Amino acid sequence: MAATLSAEEEQATRQFLEEINKWTSQHGVSPLSRELAVKFLMARKFDVLRAIELFHNYRETRLKEGIVRLQPQEEPLRSELLSGKFTVLSVRDPTGASIALYTAKLHHPNKTGNHVVLQALFYLLDRAVESFETQRNGLVFIYDMAGSNYTNFELDLSKKILNLLKGAFPARLKKVLIVGAPVWFRVPYNLLSLLLKEKLRERVQMVKMAELRQHLPRDCLPQHLGGLLPLDASGWNQQLLAGQNGRVDPVDELVGIPLEDSSIHVPGSEAMRPQELLAHLGRLQRSGVYQEYEELRREAPPGTFHCSQSAYNQEKNRYGDVLCLDQTRVRLKPRRNERSDYINASFMDGYKQKNAYIGTQGPLDRTYGDFWRMVWDQNVLLIVMTTRTDEGSRRKCGQYWPLEEGGQEVYGHIAVVNQRVDHHTHYNHTTLELHNTETCEQRHVSHFQYLSWPDYGVPTSAVTLIDFLGAVKRQQRKMVKALGPQWTGHSLGPPMVVHCSAGIGRTGTFCALDICLSQLQDVGSLNVFQTVRRMRTQRAFSIQTPEQYYFCYNAILEHAQRQGLLPSNQ
């Protein structure tokens, strides 16, 4: 059935296609069809910006979970589709919504990987929302836990399904009914509910079998759930497979396109406005935020550490357990008779800017030359230091630049001259002149050292750190502007170097705050959890403690109050 749209909806469809097909044209792939456009727009009530965000969330989720070029007639996906674990019922609810059913007792984690379950879920939901009626009237999801036990349950899989339904799939989710939940499910349910915004949480309900008919009439329910409908999930799915034989997924070629600068660290579907962030923090309290951090901490880094761990490079690491991912490490430009291009430093993306930062450890005496080579190689204009060289009785970082005005030092083939030091209450700003003794070129670099981070823990107030961040960003803009047409890279300039001692704790906190406050300024919402998760895929273990993670939340709220985005008494 062709979609019949109002004049306003047609206008929104044209706008959506215009924006998305600019993007498809840039990447040399087929334009998106009107039918697909309507599917994403329907899911977001024809709000064009939210529909575009959903489209990219959908792509990103499919890419991340390996839901690409599905072969439903081949194993193991075929068996999963025919298992009856997941199906879409042959009837609709009284409002016209499709009804999807997941039967938990049929899931055996030791036999089927999560990615296969998600592939089947995506495949069948995609088929369901091909119907214009489903696009218009939405989806009811029944999570049937009757007869299941703890061995059928996986918290990680449940989170992925919930994340898929709430923000990465083009369907209007009317409600999620969790039926027949065992007593032990209460604890994981409370954890899952913390992931949801209040509006969506209201749509997720745990109901007893006898209460299900208060939500759906008997003729919409399978017989085993107290309804009148004979259920043959395997047979229905078999018919679907036969009808889809040889079909090409029109989104497949779009899914494989990597993220681009304009979508890096965009807050996504779970973004919160300041008032929602305040409510989220009030709901979780400190212990809940620590638990949220623990979830991040348990995720293994998505890469390898071979170069950091090689015998020749180990002496270049300040700490033996703080290593660089091979996939994102900064490589020093090769020099004659040199065995290694290694430095403990990682490229990290910023808000809508690839490689906005280089996160690195505080230089060791033996790596000063490597540090300044990196600064020169990467055209760095600004260095951010969030530690003192010594704190308490511990050496945190070497004195890798001439400290006094007029002082000069030579590190390898880079001579560094201290031209000026501006002392502020909470930080020092040093202007350095670099001379490359091999090419006779010279450049200026600004060095900002934050002085008010306590020896232990985190600052009691974020005001001074956010003011410091503001000064850093103003100076970076000023220096990029001074380069004029000779700088042809990203409009925000080359990467800024950010370091503390290990290059993950305070460094991660500084970068997370910069990204989240940029999100807030640009789109009015932000996503701390997603930001830190993405950062940790580039600079492994960024944000070192739950206290630092909690500080990020409070710092953002403190900033929002100062900006008048929240009442000062909240």
Protein backbone atom coordinates (compact mmCIF):
# COMPACT_ATOMS: atom_id res chain seq x y z
CA MET A 1 0.00 0.00 0.00
CA ALA A 2 1.49 3.36 -0.99
CA ALA A 3 1.82 5.95 1.73
CA THR A 4 -0.82 8.68 1.67
CA LEU A 5 0.66 11.72 3.37
CA SER A 6 -0.59 15.17 4.30
CA ALA A 7 0.91 18.25 2.62
CA GLU A 8 3.09 18.91 5.70
CA GLU A 9 4.30 15.31 5.72
CA GLU A 10 5.13 15.48 2.00
CA GLN A 11 7.15 18.65 2.65
CA ALA A 12 9.03 16.93 5.50
CA THR A 13 9.71 13.94 3.23
CA ARG A 14 11.22 16.18 0.56
CA GLN A 15 13.42 17.92 3.16
CA PHE A 16 14.57 14.60 4.62
CA LEU A 17 15.42 13.17 1.19
CA GLU A 18 17.24 16.34 0.18
CA GLU A 19 19.49 16.16 3.26
CA ILE A 20 20.09 12.40 3.22
CA ASN A 21 20.70 12.27 -0.53
CA LYS A 22 23.30 15.03 -0.30
CA TRP A 23 25.06 12.60 1.99
CA THR A 24 24.53 9.54 -0.28
CA SER A 25 25.81 11.57 -3.25
CA GLN A 26 28.98 12.51 -1.35
CA HIS A 27 29.65 8.83 -0.70
CA GLY A 28 28.80 7.65 -4.22
CA VAL A 29 25.96 5.33 -3.20
CA SER A 30 22.38 5.01 -4.43
CA PRO A 31 19.93 7.65 -3.19
CA LEU A 32 17.47 6.73 -0.47
CA SER A 33 13.98 5.86 -1.73
CA ARG A 34 10.84 7.73 -0.76
CA GLU A 35 9.48 4.55 0.90
CA LEU A 36 12.49 4.29 3.20
CA ALA A 37 12.39 8.00 3.96
CA VAL A 38 8.76 7.74 5.06
CA LYS A 39 9.64 4.82 7.35
CA PHE A 40 12.17 6.91 9.31
CA LEU A 41 9.96 10.01 9.31
CA MET A 42 6.92 8.08 10.56
CA ALA A 43 8.97 6.81 13.50
CA ARG A 44 9.72 10.40 14.54
CA LYS A 45 6.35 11.96 13.66
CA PHE A 46 7.87 13.76 10.65
CA ASP A 47 10.36 15.73 12.72
CA VAL A 48 13.06 15.93 10.03
CA LEU A 49 16.07 16.49 12.30
CA ARG A 50 15.08 13.65 14.65
CA ALA A 51 14.43 11.36 11.68
CA ILE A 52 17.91 12.09 10.26
CA GLU A 53 19.43 11.34 13.67
CA LEU A 54 17.44 8.06 13.78
CA PHE A 55 18.64 7.11 10.30
CA HIS A 56 22.28 7.46 11.33
CA ASN A 57 21.68 5.70 14.69
CA TYR A 58 20.13 2.83 12.75
CA ARG A 59 23.11 2.67 10.39
CA GLU A 60 25.61 2.90 13.23
CA THR A 61 23.89 0.18 15.28
CA ARG A 62 23.75 -2.20 12.32
CA LEU A 63 27.43 -1.59 11.58
CA LYS A 64 28.46 -1.99 15.22
CA GLU A 65 26.48 -5.20 15.72
CA GLY A 66 27.47 -6.76 12.38
CA ILE A 67 23.95 -6.60 10.91
CA VAL A 68 25.17 -6.22 7.35
CA ARG A 69 24.36 -8.23 4.20
CA LEU A 70 22.14 -10.67 6.05
CA GLN A 71 21.62 -14.08 4.47
CA PRO A 72 18.34 -15.32 6.02
CA GLN A 73 18.42 -18.58 4.04
CA GLU A 74 21.86 -19.49 5.44
CA GLU A 75 22.96 -20.73 8.84
CA PRO A 76 23.04 -19.70 11.64
CA LEU A 77 20.48 -16.96 10.87
CA ARG A 78 17.99 -19.32 9.24
CA SER A 79 17.75 -21.55 12.33
CA GLU A 80 17.39 -18.51 14.57
CA LEU A 81 14.55 -17.13 12.42
CA LEU A 82 12.77 -20.51 12.46
CA SER A 83 13.31 -21.12 16.19
CA GLY A 84 10.11 -19.26 17.04
CA LYS A 85 12.01 -17.20 19.60
CA PHE A 86 10.89 -14.00 17.90
CA THR A 87 7.96 -13.35 15.62
CA VAL A 88 5.42 -10.74 14.55
CA LEU A 89 1.81 -11.81 15.13
CA SER A 90 -0.62 -12.04 12.23
CA VAL A 91 -3.06 -9.62 13.90
CA ARG A 92 -2.94 -5.99 15.06
CA ASP A 93 -4.07 -4.33 18.26
CA PRO A 94 -7.24 -2.19 18.18
CA THR A 95 -5.22 0.94 17.23
CA GLY A 96 -3.67 -0.82 14.22
CA ALA A 97 -0.24 -1.39 15.82
CA SER A 98 1.75 -4.52 14.95
CA ILE A 99 2.44 -6.92 17.81
CA ALA A 100 5.91 -8.44 18.14
CA LEU A 101 6.57 -11.36 20.48
CA TYR A 102 9.88 -12.47 22.03
CA THR A 103 9.78 -15.79 23.93
CA ALA A 104 12.58 -15.77 26.49
CA LYS A 105 12.51 -19.49 27.37
CA LEU A 106 13.60 -20.33 23.80
CA HIS A 107 16.87 -18.42 24.16
CA HIS A 108 19.92 -20.49 25.10
CA PRO A 109 23.00 -18.23 25.40
CA ASN A 110 25.41 -21.16 25.24
CA LYS A 111 24.02 -22.12 21.80
CA THR A 112 23.32 -18.78 20.08
CA GLY A 113 25.48 -15.65 20.08
CA ASN A 114 23.92 -12.27 20.76
CA HIS A 115 24.79 -10.98 17.30
CA VAL A 116 22.70 -13.74 15.65
CA VAL A 117 19.71 -12.93 17.90
CA LEU A 118 20.03 -9.25 16.99
CA GLN A 119 20.32 -10.10 13.29
CA ALA A 120 17.07 -12.06 13.46
CA LEU A 121 15.36 -9.31 15.44
CA PHE A 122 16.44 -6.64 12.94
CA TYR A 123 15.43 -8.78 9.99
CA LEU A 124 11.91 -9.54 11.24
CA LEU A 125 11.25 -6.03 12.53
CA ASP A 126 12.37 -4.62 9.19
CA ARG A 127 9.83 -6.83 7.46
CA ALA A 128 7.10 -5.73 9.89
CA VAL A 129 7.68 -2.00 9.36
CA GLU A 130 7.56 -2.33 5.59
CA SER A 131 3.82 -2.05 6.14
CA PHE A 132 2.56 1.53 5.96
CA GLU A 133 -0.05 0.63 8.58
CA THR A 134 2.68 -0.40 11.04
CA GLN A 135 4.67 2.74 10.25
CA ARG A 136 1.63 4.88 11.00
CA ASN A 137 0.28 2.99 14.02
CA GLY A 138 3.43 1.70 15.66
CA LEU A 139 4.59 -1.44 17.41
CA VAL A 140 3.70 -3.24 20.65
CA PHE A 141 6.47 -5.49 21.95
CA ILE A 142 5.66 -8.44 24.23
CA TYR A 143 8.64 -9.85 26.15
CA ASP A 144 7.31 -13.22 27.31
CA MET A 145 9.30 -14.52 30.29
CA ALA A 146 6.79 -17.20 31.33
CA GLY A 147 8.49 -20.53 31.96
CA SER A 148 11.98 -19.04 31.57
CA ASN A 149 14.75 -19.25 34.13
CA TYR A 150 17.99 -17.41 34.82
CA THR A 151 19.93 -19.50 32.28
CA ASN A 152 17.70 -18.09 29.49
CA PHE A 153 18.48 -14.49 30.43
CA GLU A 154 21.38 -12.23 29.37
CA LEU A 155 21.50 -8.69 30.73
CA ASP A 156 23.73 -7.51 27.88
CA LEU A 157 21.34 -8.87 25.23
CA SER A 158 18.35 -7.28 26.99
CA LYS A 159 20.12 -3.92 27.04
CA LYS A 160 20.89 -4.19 23.34
CA ILE A 161 17.29 -5.06 22.47
CA LEU A 162 16.03 -2.17 24.59
CA ASN A 163 18.54 0.27 23.07
CA LEU A 164 17.53 -0.92 19.62
CA LEU A 165 13.83 -0.41 20.25
CA LYS A 166 14.15 2.95 21.94
CA GLY A 167 16.50 4.79 19.61
CA ALA A 168 17.94 2.85 16.71
CA PHE A 169 14.99 1.34 14.89
CA PRO A 170 12.47 3.11 12.62
CA ALA A 171 9.27 2.20 14.43
CA ARG A 172 6.98 4.00 16.85
CA LEU A 173 7.25 1.96 20.03
CA LYS A 174 3.80 2.11 21.66
CA LYS A 175 4.56 -0.10 24.66
CA VAL A 176 6.74 -2.93 25.94
CA LEU A 177 4.90 -5.51 28.03
CA ILE A 178 7.10 -7.81 30.13
CA VAL A 179 4.91 -10.81 30.93
CA GLY A 180 5.38 -13.48 33.58
CA ALA A 181 8.65 -12.09 34.94
CA PRO A 182 10.22 -14.34 37.63
CA VAL A 183 11.08 -12.86 41.02
CA TRP A 184 14.81 -12.79 40.23
CA PHE A 185 14.15 -10.46 37.27
CA ARG A 186 13.39 -7.50 39.58
CA VAL A 187 17.06 -6.57 40.03
CA PRO A 188 18.01 -6.63 36.31
CA TYR A 189 14.76 -4.83 35.51
CA ASN A 190 15.70 -1.99 37.85
CA LEU A 191 19.09 -1.77 36.11
CA LEU A 192 17.46 -1.72 32.68
CA SER A 193 14.94 0.94 33.68
CA LEU A 194 17.79 3.30 34.63
CA LEU A 195 18.75 3.37 30.94
CA LEU A 196 15.40 4.79 29.92
CA LYS A 197 14.16 8.33 29.73
CA GLU A 198 11.07 8.96 31.84
CA LYS A 199 8.79 9.20 28.79
CA LEU A 200 9.88 5.78 27.55
CA ARG A 201 9.97 4.24 31.02
CA GLU A 202 6.23 4.84 31.25
CA ARG A 203 5.74 2.61 28.19
CA VAL A 204 7.65 -0.33 29.67
CA GLN A 205 5.49 -2.31 32.09
CA MET A 206 5.83 -5.59 33.94
CA VAL A 207 2.46 -7.36 33.92
CA LYS A 208 1.15 -10.67 35.21
CA MET A 209 -0.37 -13.09 32.72
CA ALA A 210 -3.88 -12.36 34.01
CA GLU A 211 -3.34 -8.59 33.59
CA LEU A 212 -2.28 -8.85 29.94
CA ARG A 213 -5.89 -8.63 28.71
CA GLN A 214 -6.14 -5.16 30.25
CA HIS A 215 -3.64 -4.07 27.60
CA LEU A 216 -4.63 -6.21 24.62
CA PRO A 217 -7.92 -7.98 23.76
CA ARG A 218 -7.95 -11.80 23.70
CA ASP A 219 -8.22 -12.02 19.93
CA CYS A 220 -4.84 -10.21 19.70
CA LEU A 221 -3.06 -12.61 22.06
CA PRO A 222 -1.66 -16.12 21.52
CA GLN A 223 -3.46 -18.92 23.33
CA HIS A 224 -0.52 -19.59 25.69
CA LEU A 225 -0.83 -15.99 26.91
CA GLY A 226 -4.54 -16.33 27.64
CA GLY A 227 -5.75 -15.27 24.18
CA LEU A 228 -7.59 -16.87 21.28
CA LEU A 229 -4.88 -16.75 18.61
CA PRO A 230 -3.27 -20.04 17.51
CA LEU A 231 0.47 -19.39 17.33
CA ASP A 232 2.70 -20.93 14.69
CA ALA A 233 5.75 -18.64 14.84
CA SER A 234 7.98 -21.02 12.91
CA GLY A 235 5.42 -21.45 10.11
CA TRP A 236 4.81 -17.70 9.83
CA ASN A 237 8.54 -16.97 9.72
CA GLN A 238 8.99 -19.75 7.14
CA GLN A 239 6.44 -18.04 4.84
CA LEU A 240 8.26 -14.75 5.32
CA LEU A 241 11.57 -16.31 4.35
CA ALA A 242 10.08 -17.83 1.20
CA GLY A 243 8.64 -14.46 0.19
CA GLN A 244 11.98 -12.70 0.75
CA ASN A 245 14.13 -15.10 -1.26
CA GLY A 246 16.65 -13.17 -3.36
CA ARG A 247 15.59 -9.82 -1.93
CA VAL A 248 18.32 -7.16 -1.65
CA ASP A 249 18.32 -4.95 1.44
CA PRO A 250 18.28 -1.35 0.12
CA VAL A 251 20.10 -0.03 3.19
CA ASP A 252 23.02 -2.46 3.04
CA GLU A 253 25.35 -0.25 1.00
CA LEU A 254 24.59 2.69 3.31
CA VAL A 255 25.37 0.74 6.48
CA GLY A 256 29.00 0.16 5.53
CA ILE A 257 29.86 3.85 5.21
CA PRO A 258 32.00 4.85 8.22
CA LEU A 259 31.05 7.71 10.53
CA GLU A 260 32.07 11.12 9.28
CA ASP A 261 33.16 14.23 11.15
CA SER A 262 29.64 15.71 11.23
CA SER A 263 28.31 12.73 13.18
CA ILE A 264 31.25 12.20 15.58
CA HIS A 265 30.10 12.43 19.20
CA VAL A 266 26.61 13.64 18.19
CA PRO A 267 24.60 12.94 21.37
CA GLY A 268 22.19 10.41 19.75
CA SER A 269 18.78 9.21 20.80
CA GLU A 270 19.67 9.04 24.51
CA ALA A 271 20.68 12.70 24.70
CA MET A 272 19.41 14.63 27.73
CA ARG A 273 18.57 18.27 28.11
CA PRO A 274 19.81 19.88 31.34
CA GLN A 275 16.50 19.33 33.16
CA GLU A 276 16.48 15.65 32.11
CA LEU A 277 20.12 15.31 33.18
CA LEU A 278 19.22 16.76 36.58
CA ALA A 279 16.33 14.28 36.94
CA HIS A 280 18.61 11.43 35.79
CA LEU A 281 21.19 12.33 38.42
CA GLY A 282 18.50 12.71 41.07
CA ARG A 283 17.15 9.29 40.21
CA LEU A 284 20.50 7.50 40.14
CA GLN A 285 22.22 9.38 42.97
CA ARG A 286 25.96 8.94 43.38
CA SER A 287 25.73 5.13 43.76
CA GLY A 288 23.74 4.78 40.53
CA VAL A 289 26.21 6.92 38.59
CA TYR A 290 29.07 4.82 39.98
CA GLN A 291 27.18 1.73 38.77
CA GLU A 292 26.80 3.34 35.34
CA TYR A 293 30.56 3.92 35.28
CA GLU A 294 31.17 0.32 36.34
CA GLU A 295 29.24 -0.81 33.27
CA LEU A 296 31.66 1.20 31.11
CA ARG A 297 34.68 -0.04 33.01
CA ARG A 298 33.74 -3.68 32.39
CA GLU A 299 33.70 -3.20 28.60
CA ALA A 300 36.92 -4.54 27.10
CA PRO A 301 38.84 -2.11 24.84
CA PRO A 302 38.05 -2.83 21.16
CA GLY A 303 41.57 -3.39 19.92
CA THR A 304 45.09 -4.57 20.66
CA PHE A 305 48.13 -3.24 22.54
CA HIS A 306 50.94 -5.04 20.72
CA CYS A 307 53.13 -1.99 20.08
CA SER A 308 52.86 -0.67 23.67
CA GLN A 309 53.70 -4.11 25.04
CA SER A 310 56.71 -4.81 22.82
CA ALA A 311 59.91 -5.16 24.82
CA TYR A 312 61.61 -2.25 23.02
CA ASN A 313 58.77 0.17 23.81
CA GLN A 314 57.92 -0.70 27.40
CA GLU A 315 60.46 1.75 28.83
CA LYS A 316 58.57 4.55 27.04
CA ASN A 317 55.42 3.92 29.12
CA ARG A 318 55.13 5.86 32.37
CA TYR A 319 52.84 3.18 33.82
CA GLY A 320 52.97 -0.48 32.81
CA ASP A 321 49.17 -0.83 32.82
CA VAL A 322 48.36 2.32 30.79
CA LEU A 323 48.87 1.34 27.18
CA CYS A 324 47.89 2.65 23.74
CA LEU A 325 45.52 0.89 21.39
CA ASP A 326 47.37 0.01 18.19
CA GLN A 327 44.39 1.22 16.16
CA THR A 328 44.49 4.83 17.42
CA ARG A 329 48.07 5.40 18.55
CA VAL A 330 50.03 8.38 17.25
CA ARG A 331 52.96 7.25 15.10
CA LEU A 332 56.09 9.37 15.10
CA LYS A 333 57.37 10.17 11.63
CA PRO A 334 60.22 7.79 10.80
CA ARG A 335 63.82 8.91 11.23
CA ARG A 336 66.96 7.26 9.95
CA ASN A 337 68.40 4.45 12.10
CA GLU A 338 65.44 4.54 14.49
CA ARG A 339 63.84 1.27 15.52
CA SER A 340 60.48 2.53 16.78
CA ASP A 341 57.79 5.08 15.92
CA TYR A 342 56.16 4.62 19.33
CA ILE A 343 54.98 7.22 21.83
CA ASN A 344 52.34 6.62 24.48
CA ALA A 345 49.76 8.90 22.83
CA SER A 346 46.38 8.32 21.16
CA PHE A 347 44.24 10.24 18.71
CA MET A 348 40.81 11.07 20.16
CA ASP A 349 37.82 12.53 18.37
CA GLY A 350 36.08 15.68 19.58
CA TYR A 351 32.60 16.97 18.89
CA LYS A 352 32.12 16.79 15.10
CA GLN A 353 35.91 16.74 14.71
CA LYS A 354 38.04 13.72 13.98
CA ASN A 355 41.34 13.62 15.93
CA ALA A 356 40.52 16.77 17.89
CA TYR A 357 42.84 15.70 20.73
CA ILE A 358 45.98 13.73 21.30
CA GLY A 359 45.64 12.14 24.74
CA THR A 360 49.06 11.31 26.15
CA GLN A 361 50.98 10.59 29.34
CA GLY A 362 53.08 13.15 31.13
CA PRO A 363 56.46 12.98 29.33
CA LEU A 364 59.31 11.06 30.95
CA ASP A 365 62.87 12.46 30.89
CA ARG A 366 63.75 9.91 28.20
CA THR A 367 60.72 10.76 26.03
CA TYR A 368 60.98 14.58 25.94
CA GLY A 369 62.43 14.41 22.41
CA ASP A 370 59.63 12.09 21.25
CA PHE A 371 57.00 14.41 22.77
CA TRP A 372 58.26 17.50 20.93
CA ARG A 373 58.68 15.53 17.70
CA MET A 374 55.00 14.59 17.97
CA VAL A 375 54.00 18.19 18.61
CA TRP A 376 55.92 19.23 15.50
CA ASP A 377 54.75 16.30 13.31
CA GLN A 378 51.07 16.93 14.13
CA ASN A 379 51.21 20.74 13.75
CA VAL A 380 50.02 21.14 17.34
CA LEU A 381 49.22 24.71 18.41
CA LEU A 382 48.23 24.12 22.00
CA ILE A 383 49.20 21.81 24.88
CA VAL A 384 46.89 21.27 27.88
CA MET A 385 48.50 20.00 31.08
CA THR A 386 46.14 19.10 33.94
CA THR A 387 48.71 18.12 36.57
CA ARG A 388 51.68 19.62 38.37
CA THR A 389 55.08 18.01 37.80
CA ASP A 390 55.04 16.87 41.46
CA GLU A 391 52.01 16.33 43.68
CA GLY A 392 52.54 15.38 47.30
CA SER A 393 55.70 13.30 47.23
CA ARG A 394 55.03 11.77 43.82
CA ARG A 395 56.55 12.66 40.46
CA LYS A 396 53.61 13.02 38.07
CA CYS A 397 55.31 14.46 34.99
CA GLY A 398 58.72 15.59 33.81
CA GLN A 399 59.67 19.27 33.35
CA TYR A 400 59.59 18.96 29.57
CA TRP A 401 59.61 22.69 28.72
CA PRO A 402 61.77 25.61 29.91
CA LEU A 403 59.95 26.91 32.97
CA GLU A 404 61.25 30.48 33.24
CA GLU A 405 60.69 33.33 30.78
CA GLY A 406 63.66 33.56 28.44
CA GLY A 407 64.70 29.99 29.19
CA GLN A 408 65.52 27.62 26.36
CA GLU A 409 66.14 23.89 26.01
CA VAL A 410 66.88 21.55 23.11
CA TYR A 411 64.98 18.26 22.94
CA GLY A 412 66.28 16.11 20.08
CA HIS A 413 66.10 18.30 17.00
CA ILE A 414 63.52 20.71 18.47
CA ALA A 415 64.70 23.79 20.40
CA VAL A 416 62.06 25.28 22.71
CA VAL A 417 62.19 28.88 23.94
CA ASN A 418 59.97 30.25 26.72
CA GLN A 419 58.88 33.65 25.43
CA ARG A 420 56.31 34.62 28.05
CA VAL A 421 54.43 33.29 31.07
CA ASP A 422 51.00 34.70 32.03
CA HIS A 423 50.05 33.72 35.57
CA HIS A 424 46.33 33.37 36.31
CA THR A 425 44.65 32.34 39.56
CA HIS A 426 44.10 28.73 38.56
CA TYR A 427 46.39 28.23 35.59
CA ASN A 428 49.52 29.40 33.79
CA HIS A 429 49.64 30.23 30.09
CA THR A 430 53.12 29.95 28.60
CA THR A 431 53.97 31.06 25.05
CA LEU A 432 56.65 28.82 23.56
CA GLU A 433 58.62 29.23 20.36
CA LEU A 434 59.74 26.04 18.65
CA HIS A 435 62.74 25.86 16.31
CA ASN A 436 63.29 22.82 14.13
CA THR A 437 67.09 22.64 13.94
CA GLU A 438 66.96 20.39 10.87
CA THR A 439 64.65 22.49 8.67
CA CYS A 440 65.28 25.92 10.28
CA GLU A 441 61.50 26.43 10.61
CA GLN A 442 59.90 27.98 13.67
CA ARG A 443 56.42 27.91 15.18
CA HIS A 444 54.57 29.10 18.25
CA VAL A 445 52.81 26.80 20.72
CA SER A 446 50.65 27.78 23.69
CA HIS A 447 51.09 25.75 26.88
CA PHE A 448 48.23 25.83 29.41
CA GLN A 449 48.80 24.27 32.82
CA TYR A 450 45.80 23.86 35.16
CA LEU A 451 46.94 24.23 38.78
CA SER A 452 43.79 23.65 40.85
CA TRP A 453 43.24 19.93 40.58
CA PRO A 454 43.71 18.53 44.11
CA ASP A 455 46.38 15.89 44.81
CA TYR A 456 43.61 13.36 45.47
CA GLY A 457 40.07 13.07 44.16
CA VAL A 458 38.39 15.71 42.03
CA PRO A 459 37.79 19.47 42.36
CA THR A 460 34.95 20.41 44.70
CA SER A 461 33.65 22.86 42.09
CA ALA A 462 33.91 22.75 38.31
CA VAL A 463 33.90 26.54 37.85
CA THR A 464 37.67 26.97 37.57
CA LEU A 465 38.11 23.96 35.26
CA ILE A 466 35.33 25.13 32.92
CA ASP A 467 36.80 28.65 32.87
CA PHE A 468 40.18 27.07 32.06
CA LEU A 469 38.55 25.08 29.23
CA GLY A 470 37.06 28.31 27.88
CA ALA A 471 40.45 30.03 27.88
CA VAL A 472 42.01 27.03 26.08
CA LYS A 473 39.38 27.05 23.35
CA ARG A 474 39.59 30.82 22.82
CA GLN A 475 43.37 30.57 22.39
CA GLN A 476 43.06 27.65 19.96
CA ARG A 477 40.59 29.65 17.83
CA LYS A 478 42.89 32.69 17.92
CA MET A 479 45.90 30.65 16.82
CA VAL A 480 43.99 28.88 14.01
CA LYS A 481 42.77 32.24 12.75
CA ALA A 482 46.36 33.56 12.77
CA LEU A 483 47.43 30.69 10.50
CA GLY A 484 45.10 32.03 7.80
CA PRO A 485 45.01 30.15 4.47
CA GLN A 486 48.11 28.10 5.28
CA TRP A 487 45.87 25.89 7.49
CA THR A 488 43.67 23.75 5.21
CA GLY A 489 42.46 21.16 7.73
CA HIS A 490 39.41 21.14 10.00
CA SER A 491 38.07 24.60 10.84
CA LEU A 492 38.79 24.02 14.55
CA GLY A 493 42.46 23.43 13.81
CA PRO A 494 44.99 20.65 14.38
CA PRO A 495 44.72 18.36 17.41
CA MET A 496 45.44 19.83 20.82
CA VAL A 497 47.66 17.73 23.07
CA VAL A 498 46.04 16.94 26.43
CA HIS A 499 47.92 15.17 29.21
CA CYS A 500 47.99 14.56 32.92
CA SER A 501 50.24 11.89 34.41
CA ALA A 502 48.88 8.67 32.87
CA GLY A 503 46.89 10.48 30.19
CA ILE A 504 43.55 8.83 30.97
CA GLY A 505 42.05 10.23 34.19
CA ARG A 506 42.12 14.03 34.21
CA THR A 507 42.82 13.95 30.46
CA GLY A 508 39.65 11.95 29.86
CA THR A 509 37.67 14.21 32.21
CA PHE A 510 38.83 17.36 30.40
CA CYS A 511 38.00 15.94 26.95
CA ALA A 512 34.62 14.53 28.05
CA LEU A 513 33.64 17.93 29.47
CA ASP A 514 34.71 19.69 26.28
CA ILE A 515 32.70 17.28 24.11
CA CYS A 516 29.57 17.34 26.29
CA LEU A 517 29.54 21.13 26.69
CA SER A 518 30.00 21.45 22.91
CA GLN A 519 27.02 19.13 22.42
CA LEU A 520 24.97 21.24 24.82
CA GLN A 521 25.92 24.49 23.10
CA ASP A 522 25.21 23.13 19.60
CA VAL A 523 22.02 21.08 20.01
CA GLY A 524 20.83 21.81 23.56
CA SER A 525 21.35 18.25 24.80
CA LEU A 526 24.23 15.91 25.64
CA ASN A 527 25.10 12.31 26.41
CA VAL A 528 27.77 11.64 29.04
CA PHE A 529 27.60 7.84 28.94
CA GLN A 530 27.88 7.60 25.16
CA THR A 531 30.66 10.21 25.06
CA VAL A 532 32.84 8.41 27.59
CA ARG A 533 32.15 5.04 25.97
CA ARG A 534 33.34 6.36 22.58
CA MET A 535 36.37 8.05 24.12
CA ARG A 536 37.42 4.76 25.72
CA THR A 537 37.45 3.08 22.30
CA GLN A 538 40.24 5.48 21.29
CA ARG A 539 42.20 6.26 24.46
CA ALA A 540 41.65 3.05 26.42
CA PHE A 541 40.48 3.43 30.05
CA SER A 542 39.75 7.18 29.71
CA ILE A 543 38.05 8.48 32.87
CA GLN A 544 39.94 6.46 35.42
CA THR A 545 37.62 6.51 38.43
CA PRO A 546 33.88 6.66 39.22
CA GLU A 547 34.56 9.95 41.04
CA GLN A 548 35.80 11.52 37.79
CA TYR A 549 32.74 10.21 35.92
CA TYR A 550 30.40 11.61 38.59
CA PHE A 551 32.31 14.89 38.49
CA CYS A 552 31.52 15.18 34.76
CA TYR A 553 27.79 15.05 35.49
CA ASN A 554 28.01 17.63 38.27
CA ALA A 555 30.28 19.90 36.24
CA ILE A 556 27.77 19.98 33.38
CA LEU A 557 24.91 20.81 35.76
CA GLU A 558 27.03 23.52 37.40
CA HIS A 559 27.74 24.99 33.97
CA ALA A 560 24.05 24.79 33.00
CA GLN A 561 23.11 26.75 36.13
CA ARG A 562 25.72 29.43 35.39
CA GLN A 563 24.35 29.72 31.85
CA GLY A 564 20.77 30.09 33.10
CA LEU A 565 19.73 26.75 31.59
CA LEU A 566 18.75 25.52 35.05
CA PRO A 567 17.47 27.45 38.08
CA SER A 568 20.35 28.16 40.44
CA ASN A 569 18.50 26.62 43.39
CA GLN A 570 18.33 23.15 41.81
